[in-house]
C-alpha atoms as a PDB file:
ATOM      1  CA  MET A   1       0.002   0.460  -0.234  1.00  0.00           C
ATOM      2  CA  LYS A   2       2.726   2.383   0.785  1.00  0.00           C
ATOM      3  CA  LYS A   3       4.161   1.778  -2.570  1.00  0.00           C
ATOM      4  CA  ILE A   4       0.951   2.646  -4.153  1.00  0.00           C
ATOM      5  CA  ILE A   5       0.720   5.851  -2.092  1.00  0.00           C
ATOM      6  CA  LEU A   6       4.140   6.844  -2.914  1.00  0.00           C
ATOM      7  CA  ALA A   7       3.299   6.219  -6.621  1.00  0.00           C
ATOM      8  CA  LEU A   8       0.442   8.597  -6.909  1.00  0.00           C
ATOM      9  CA  ILE A   9       2.393  11.216  -4.559  1.00  0.00           C
ATOM     10  CA  THR A  10       4.687  11.085  -7.599  1.00  0.00           C
ATOM     11  CA  LEU A  11       2.459  11.373 -10.057  1.00  0.00           C
ATOM     12  CA  PHE A  12       0.581  14.455  -8.396  1.00  0.00           C
ATOM     13  CA  THR A  13       3.900  16.426  -7.996  1.00  0.00           C
ATOM     14  CA  LEU A  14       4.862  15.857 -11.301  1.00  0.00           C
ATOM     15  CA  LEU A  15       1.296  17.112 -12.962  1.00  0.00           C
ATOM     16  CA  ILE A  16       1.649  19.956 -10.563  1.00  0.00           C
ATOM     17  CA  SER A  17       4.958  20.718 -11.777  1.00  0.00           C
ATOM     18  CA  THR A  18       4.525  20.750 -15.099  1.00  0.00           C
ATOM     19  CA  GLY A  19       1.123  21.843 -15.473  1.00  0.00           C
ATOM     20  CA  CYS A  20       1.606  25.609 -16.057  1.00  0.00           C
ATOM     21  CA  THR A  21       4.707  24.999 -18.097  1.00  0.00           C
ATOM     22  CA  PRO A  22       3.531  23.499 -21.623  1.00  0.00           C
ATOM     23  CA  ILE A  23       5.947  21.341 -23.385  1.00  0.00           C
ATOM     24  CA  VAL A  24       7.556  22.695 -26.912  1.00  0.00           C
ATOM     25  CA  ASN A  25       8.250  20.824 -29.599  1.00  0.00           C
ATOM     26  CA  LYS A  26      11.609  21.324 -30.914  1.00  0.00           C
ATOM     27  CA  TYR A  27      13.005  20.431 -34.435  1.00  0.00           C
ATOM     28  CA  ARG A  28      16.635  20.067 -35.619  1.00  0.00           C
ATOM     29  CA  VAL A  29      16.318  21.107 -39.565  1.00  0.00           C
ATOM     30  CA  ASN A  30      18.985  21.723 -42.277  1.00  0.00           C
ATOM     31  CA  VAL A  31      18.720  24.720 -44.780  1.00  0.00           C
ATOM     32  CA  ASP A  32      20.588  25.150 -47.825  1.00  0.00           C
ATOM     33  CA  ALA A  33      20.164  28.146 -50.127  1.00  0.00           C
ATOM     34  CA  ILE A  34      21.757  29.041 -53.315  1.00  0.00           C
ATOM     35  CA  THR A  35      21.334  31.848 -55.886  1.00  0.00           C
ATOM     36  CA  HIS A  36      22.304  32.877 -59.215  1.00  0.00           C
ATOM     37  CA  ASN A  37      25.801  34.667 -59.101  1.00  0.00           C
ATOM     38  CA  ASN A  38      24.840  36.676 -62.197  1.00  0.00           C
ATOM     39  CA  ALA A  39      21.536  37.352 -61.485  1.00  0.00           C
ATOM     40  CA  ASN A  40      20.074  41.033 -59.795  1.00  0.00           C
ATOM     41  CA  ILE A  41      17.464  39.046 -57.835  1.00  0.00           C
ATOM     42  CA  GLN A  42      14.921  41.358 -56.223  1.00  0.00           C
ATOM     43  CA  PRO A  43      11.448  40.841 -55.215  1.00  0.00           C
ATOM     44  CA  SER A  44       8.882  41.220 -57.511  1.00  0.00           C
ATOM     45  CA  SER A  45       5.830  39.528 -59.033  1.00  0.00           C
ATOM     46  CA  TYR A  46       5.191  35.895 -58.451  1.00  0.00           C
ATOM     47  CA  SER A  47       3.352  32.948 -58.839  1.00  0.00           C
ATOM     48  CA  ILE A  48       3.310  29.775 -57.262  1.00  0.00           C
ATOM     49  CA  LYS A  49       3.640  26.295 -59.100  1.00  0.00           C
ATOM     50  CA  ALA A  50       3.819  22.680 -58.020  1.00  0.00           C
ATOM     51  CA  LEU A  51       7.453  21.640 -58.768  1.00  0.00           C
ATOM     52  CA  GLY A  52       6.772  18.085 -58.715  1.00  0.00           C
ATOM     53  CA  SER A  53       5.113  16.249 -61.550  1.00  0.00           C
ATOM     54  CA  GLU A  54       3.225  13.919 -58.730  1.00  0.00           C
ATOM     55  CA  THR A  55       1.913  16.744 -56.704  1.00  0.00           C
ATOM     56  CA  ASP A  56      -1.374  17.762 -57.198  1.00  0.00           C
ATOM     57  CA  ALA A  57      -1.351  21.662 -57.573  1.00  0.00           C
ATOM     58  CA  ASN A  58      -5.046  22.003 -56.984  1.00  0.00           C
ATOM     59  CA  GLY A  59      -5.230  19.586 -53.967  1.00  0.00           C
ATOM     60  CA  LEU A  60      -6.359  20.941 -50.692  1.00  0.00           C
ATOM     61  CA  ARG A  61      -3.081  20.107 -48.838  1.00  0.00           C
ATOM     62  CA  PHE A  62      -0.978  21.883 -51.547  1.00  0.00           C
ATOM     63  CA  GLN A  63      -2.930  24.840 -51.483  1.00  0.00           C
ATOM     64  CA  ARG A  64      -2.886  25.322 -47.570  1.00  0.00           C
ATOM     65  CA  HIS A  65       0.862  25.207 -47.771  1.00  0.00           C
ATOM     66  CA  ALA A  66       1.079  27.244 -50.715  1.00  0.00           C
ATOM     67  CA  GLN A  67      -0.778  29.831 -48.674  1.00  0.00           C
ATOM     68  CA  HIS A  68       1.571  29.936 -46.094  1.00  0.00           C
ATOM     69  CA  LEU A  69       4.578  30.014 -48.661  1.00  0.00           C
ATOM     70  CA  ALA A  70       2.795  32.882 -50.401  1.00  0.00           C
ATOM     71  CA  LYS A  71       2.545  34.838 -46.819  1.00  0.00           C
ATOM     72  CA  ILE A  72       6.316  34.626 -46.593  1.00  0.00           C
ATOM     73  CA  LEU A  73       6.982  35.904 -50.028  1.00  0.00           C
ATOM     74  CA  ASN A  74       4.702  38.999 -49.453  1.00  0.00           C
ATOM     75  CA  GLU A  75       6.686  39.517 -46.158  1.00  0.00           C
ATOM     76  CA  LYS A  76       9.773  39.555 -48.206  1.00  0.00           C
ATOM     77  CA  GLY A  77       8.372  42.103 -50.617  1.00  0.00           C
ATOM     78  CA  TYR A  78       7.243  39.879 -52.999  1.00  0.00           C
ATOM     79  CA  SER A  79       3.488  40.541 -54.916  1.00  0.00           C
ATOM     80  CA  PRO A  80       1.435  37.848 -56.144  1.00  0.00           C
ATOM     81  CA  ALA A  81       0.931  38.292 -60.561  1.00  0.00           C
ATOM     82  CA  SER A  82      -2.651  39.220 -61.195  1.00  0.00           C
ATOM     83  CA  TYR A  83      -1.900  36.683 -64.351  1.00  0.00           C
ATOM     84  CA  GLU A  84       0.356  33.641 -64.027  1.00  0.00           C
ATOM     85  CA  THR A  85       1.662  34.714 -67.514  1.00  0.00           C
ATOM     86  CA  LEU A  86       2.713  38.063 -66.029  1.00  0.00           C
ATOM     87  CA  ALA A  87       4.672  36.828 -63.148  1.00  0.00           C
ATOM     88  CA  GLU A  88       8.112  37.913 -63.590  1.00  0.00           C
ATOM     89  CA  GLN A  89       9.264  34.781 -61.296  1.00  0.00           C
ATOM     90  CA  GLN A  90       8.003  31.267 -61.324  1.00  0.00           C
ATOM     91  CA  ILE A  91       8.119  30.207 -57.531  1.00  0.00           C
ATOM     92  CA  TYR A  92       8.161  26.101 -57.709  1.00  0.00           C
ATOM     93  CA  PHE A  93       7.357  24.665 -54.527  1.00  0.00           C
ATOM     94  CA  ASP A  94       7.356  20.870 -53.266  1.00  0.00           C
ATOM     95  CA  TYR A  95       7.226  18.937 -49.849  1.00  0.00           C
ATOM     96  CA  GLY A  96       7.803  15.384 -48.893  1.00  0.00           C
ATOM     97  CA  ILE A  97       9.046  12.375 -46.848  1.00  0.00           C
ATOM     98  CA  ASP A  98      11.182   9.873 -47.395  1.00  0.00           C
ATOM     99  CA  LYS A  99      11.745   6.678 -44.685  1.00  0.00           C
ATOM    100  CA  ILE A 100      15.476   6.893 -44.016  1.00  0.00           C
ATOM    101  CA  LYS A 101      15.734   4.230 -41.224  1.00  0.00           C
ATOM    102  CA  GLU A 102      13.679   1.670 -39.428  1.00  0.00           C
ATOM    103  CA  GLU A 103      14.841  -0.003 -36.389  1.00  0.00           C
ATOM    104  CA  HIS A 104      13.597  -2.983 -34.249  1.00  0.00           C
ATOM    105  CA  ARG A 105      14.294  -3.153 -30.539  1.00  0.00           C
ATOM    106  CA  THR A 106      13.336  -5.790 -27.791  1.00  0.00           C
ATOM    107  CA  TYR A 107      12.889  -4.714 -24.235  1.00  0.00           C
ATOM    108  CA  ARG A 108      12.289  -6.800 -20.984  1.00  0.00           C
ATOM    109  CA  GLU A 109      10.796  -4.652 -17.917  1.00  0.00           C
ATOM    110  CA  PRO A 110       9.736  -5.792 -14.489  1.00  0.00           C
ATOM    111  CA  GLU A 111       5.689  -5.388 -13.682  1.00  0.00           C
ATOM    112  CA  VAL A 112       5.125  -5.350  -9.960  1.00  0.00           C
ATOM    113  CA  THR A 113       1.894  -6.653  -8.838  1.00  0.00           C
ATOM    114  CA  PHE A 114       0.415  -6.340  -5.174  1.00  0.00           C
ATOM    115  CA  GLY A 115      -1.470  -8.595  -2.931  1.00  0.00           C
ATOM    116  CA  VAL A 116      -2.690  -8.684   0.677  1.00  0.00           C
ATOM    117  CA  SER A 117      -2.014 -11.234   3.322  1.00  0.00           C
ATOM    118  CA  TRP A 118      -3.582 -11.907   6.592  1.00  0.00           C
ATOM    119  CA  GLY A 119      -1.033 -13.089   9.418  1.00  0.00           C
ATOM    120  CA  PHE A 120      -0.941 -13.256  12.959  1.00  0.00           C
ATOM    121  CA  PRO A 121       2.049 -11.627  14.288  1.00  0.00           C
ATOM    122  CA  TYR A 122       2.154 -13.423  17.840  1.00  0.00           C
ATOM    123  CA  GLY A 123      -0.136 -14.882  20.394  1.00  0.00           C
ATOM    124  CA  TYR A 124      -1.817 -17.192  17.623  1.00  0.00           C
ATOM    125  CA  TYR A 125      -1.303 -20.467  19.663  1.00  0.00           C
ATOM    126  CA  HIS A 126      -2.429 -19.102  22.850  1.00  0.00           C
ATOM    127  CA  HIS A 127      -5.643 -17.809  21.295  1.00  0.00           C
ATOM    128  CA  ARG A 128      -4.620 -14.170  21.539  1.00  0.00           C
ATOM    129  CA  TYR A 129      -5.254 -13.273  18.002  1.00  0.00           C
ATOM    130  CA  HIS A 130      -3.808 -10.255  16.876  1.00  0.00           C
ATOM    131  CA  PRO A 131      -4.460 -10.115  12.957  1.00  0.00           C
ATOM    132  CA  PHE A 132      -3.074  -7.292  10.802  1.00  0.00           C
ATOM    133  CA  TRP A 133      -2.868  -6.774   6.992  1.00  0.00           C
ATOM    134  CA  HIS A 134       0.473  -6.155   4.571  1.00  0.00           C
ATOM    135  CA  ASP A 135       1.448  -5.847   1.121  1.00  0.00           C
ATOM    136  CA  VAL A 136       3.258  -8.886  -0.672  1.00  0.00           C
ATOM    137  CA  GLY A 137       4.908  -7.879  -3.679  1.00  0.00           C
ATOM    138  CA  TYR A 138       5.583 -10.108  -6.956  1.00  0.00           C
ATOM    139  CA  THR A 139       7.763  -9.050  -9.767  1.00  0.00           C
ATOM    140  CA  THR A 140       7.502 -10.618 -13.238  1.00  0.00           C
ATOM    141  CA  TYR A 141       8.972  -9.845 -16.382  1.00  0.00           C
ATOM    142  CA  ARG A 142       7.296  -9.050 -19.737  1.00  0.00           C
ATOM    143  CA  THR A 143       9.110  -8.790 -22.890  1.00  0.00           C
ATOM    144  CA  TYR A 144       7.945  -6.787 -25.866  1.00  0.00           C
ATOM    145  CA  GLU A 145       9.505  -5.034 -29.237  1.00  0.00           C
ATOM    146  CA  LYS A 146       9.155  -1.751 -30.385  1.00  0.00           C
ATOM    147  CA  THR A 147       9.951  -0.640 -33.978  1.00  0.00           C
ATOM    148  CA  TYR A 148      11.486   3.019 -34.321  1.00  0.00           C
ATOM    149  CA  ARG A 149      11.164   4.579 -37.992  1.00  0.00           C
ATOM    150  CA  VAL A 150      12.978   7.963 -38.890  1.00  0.00           C
ATOM    151  CA  PHE A 151      11.663   9.925 -41.545  1.00  0.00           C
ATOM    152  CA  ASN A 152      13.482  12.862 -43.757  1.00  0.00           C
ATOM    153  CA  ARG A 153      10.511  15.754 -44.052  1.00  0.00           C
ATOM    154  CA  TYR A 154      11.424  18.149 -46.700  1.00  0.00           C
ATOM    155  CA  ILE A 155      10.505  21.301 -48.768  1.00  0.00           C
ATOM    156  CA  VAL A 156      11.754  22.744 -52.180  1.00  0.00           C
ATOM    157  CA  ILE A 157      11.590  26.229 -52.905  1.00  0.00           C
ATOM    158  CA  LEU A 158      12.610  27.198 -56.269  1.00  0.00           C
ATOM    159  CA  SER A 159      12.630  30.305 -58.024  1.00  0.00           C
ATOM    160  CA  LYS A 160      12.826  30.821 -62.249  1.00  0.00           C
ATOM    161  CA  ASN A 161      12.261  33.807 -64.289  1.00  0.00           C
ATOM    162  CA  GLN A 162      10.546  33.963 -67.388  1.00  0.00           C
ATOM    163  CA  ALA A 163      12.970  32.647 -69.696  1.00  0.00           C
ATOM    164  CA  GLY A 164      13.175  29.364 -67.327  1.00  0.00           C
ATOM    165  CA  GLN A 165      16.401  30.282 -65.813  1.00  0.00           C
ATOM    166  CA  GLU A 166      16.858  29.589 -62.278  1.00  0.00           C
ATOM    167  CA  LEU A 167      17.528  32.313 -59.984  1.00  0.00           C
ATOM    168  CA  TRP A 168      17.449  30.989 -56.698  1.00  0.00           C
ATOM    169  CA  ARG A 169      16.666  27.988 -54.533  1.00  0.00           C
ATOM    170  CA  VAL A 170      15.936  26.925 -50.643  1.00  0.00           C
ATOM    171  CA  ASP A 171      16.035  23.498 -49.657  1.00  0.00           C
ATOM    172  CA  VAL A 172      14.914  22.888 -45.904  1.00  0.00           C
ATOM    173  CA  SER A 173      14.736  19.159 -44.316  1.00  0.00           C
ATOM    174  CA  SER A 174      14.197  17.929 -40.796  1.00  0.00           C
ATOM    175  CA  ALA A 175      14.725  14.104 -39.462  1.00  0.00           C
ATOM    176  CA  GLY A 176      12.362  12.861 -37.118  1.00  0.00           C
ATOM    177  CA  GLU A 177       9.974   9.713 -35.942  1.00  0.00           C
ATOM    178  CA  SER A 178       6.920  11.837 -37.177  1.00  0.00           C
ATOM    179  CA  ALA A 179       5.553  11.309 -40.553  1.00  0.00           C
ATOM    180  CA  GLY A 180       2.872  14.055 -40.433  1.00  0.00           C
ATOM    181  CA  LEU A 181       3.387  16.868 -42.795  1.00  0.00           C
ATOM    182  CA  GLU A 182       0.631  18.980 -41.905  1.00  0.00           C
ATOM    183  CA  LYS A 183       2.507  20.516 -38.640  1.00  0.00           C
ATOM    184  CA  ILE A 184       6.317  20.114 -40.055  1.00  0.00           C
ATOM    185  CA  VAL A 185       6.102  21.331 -43.644  1.00  0.00           C
ATOM    186  CA  PRO A 186       4.840  25.251 -42.255  1.00  0.00           C
ATOM    187  CA  LEU A 187       7.971  25.189 -39.704  1.00  0.00           C
ATOM    188  CA  LEU A 188      10.284  24.445 -42.482  1.00  0.00           C
ATOM    189  CA  LEU A 189       8.940  27.439 -44.702  1.00  0.00           C
ATOM    190  CA  ASP A 190       9.154  29.530 -41.732  1.00  0.00           C
ATOM    191  CA  ALA A 191      12.884  28.106 -41.426  1.00  0.00           C
ATOM    192  CA  ALA A 192      13.381  29.087 -44.880  1.00  0.00           C
ATOM    193  CA  LYS A 193      12.250  32.511 -45.210  1.00  0.00           C
ATOM    194  CA  PRO A 194      15.560  34.178 -44.062  1.00  0.00           C
ATOM    195  CA  TYR A 195      17.347  32.335 -46.669  1.00  0.00           C
ATOM    196  CA  ILE A 196      15.179  33.328 -50.112  1.00  0.00           C
ATOM    197  CA  GLY A 197      17.379  34.738 -52.416  1.00  0.00           C
ATOM    198  CA  THR A 198      20.459  34.173 -50.709  1.00  0.00           C
ATOM    199  CA  ASN A 199      23.870  31.704 -50.818  1.00  0.00           C
ATOM    200  CA  THR A 200      25.053  29.602 -47.789  1.00  0.00           C
ATOM    201  CA  ALA A 201      28.394  28.229 -48.393  1.00  0.00           C
ATOM    202  CA  GLU A 202      27.384  24.944 -46.764  1.00  0.00           C
ATOM    203  CA  PRO A 203      23.882  23.461 -44.934  1.00  0.00           C
ATOM    204  CA  ILE A 204      23.002  25.464 -41.963  1.00  0.00           C
ATOM    205  CA  LYS A 205      21.829  23.673 -39.034  1.00  0.00           C
ATOM    206  CA  LEU A 206      19.055  25.163 -36.938  1.00  0.00           C
ATOM    207  CA  VAL A 207      17.052  24.319 -34.111  1.00  0.00           C
ATOM    208  CA  ILE A 208      13.398  25.661 -34.476  1.00  0.00           C
ATOM    209  CA  GLU A 209      10.641  25.466 -31.805  1.00  0.00           C
ATOM    210  CA  GLU A 210       6.865  25.077 -32.384  1.00  0.00           C
ATOM    211  CA  ASN A 211       4.909  28.023 -32.036  1.00  0.00           C
ATOM    212  CA  ARG A 212       1.700  26.535 -30.476  1.00  0.00           C
ATOM    213  CA  ASP A 213       0.075  30.442 -30.729  1.00  0.00           C
ATOM    214  CA  LYS A 214       0.618  30.998 -33.946  1.00  0.00           C
ATOM    215  CA  LYS A 215      -2.156  30.936 -36.270  1.00  0.00           C
ATOM    216  CA  GLU A 216      -2.356  31.001 -40.061  1.00  0.00           C
END
């Protein structure tokens, strides 16, 4: 019984200590940006297109992420073209996920069960009964397997002029166990924002935090 009470007290203390401090997810990302050396890259009118041939530009998910990209471009000084054919820059956008690792692990953990026994500590044979209760713990072990998968989540933003010449490109990726893109793609787009139209000598490693209060 004492063990159960101690476990409940520990759990209650943990909930109290973390209740006012929300857990913020952090992501490690790689950013690689390149810009045409001979091009004078300035914010201009743009139109967003799907980069991958398998990406449905009319799909609802693509449109949602494209709206986030458009917001970032507008904040950088770009303006959406009235007609696609008049856009000075065609912004090609794509996102996706690749499984890069899968690992199976076996674990063996103890399981403690509790029981109650009835005893007579003294005076039994002299007909003076003094019963008491006490806990009896039984430890068993269980074996289970767990599969860990690591995915590479990525986005690509590529700009071309009206002649089809590549002007600048930003690649952002993040490795992790989550395969959900709805949350990670906006974060990758935000990480790409400072590097649009710039050069990085090599991929830059960043740690970004999820902003729970951010709304589109």
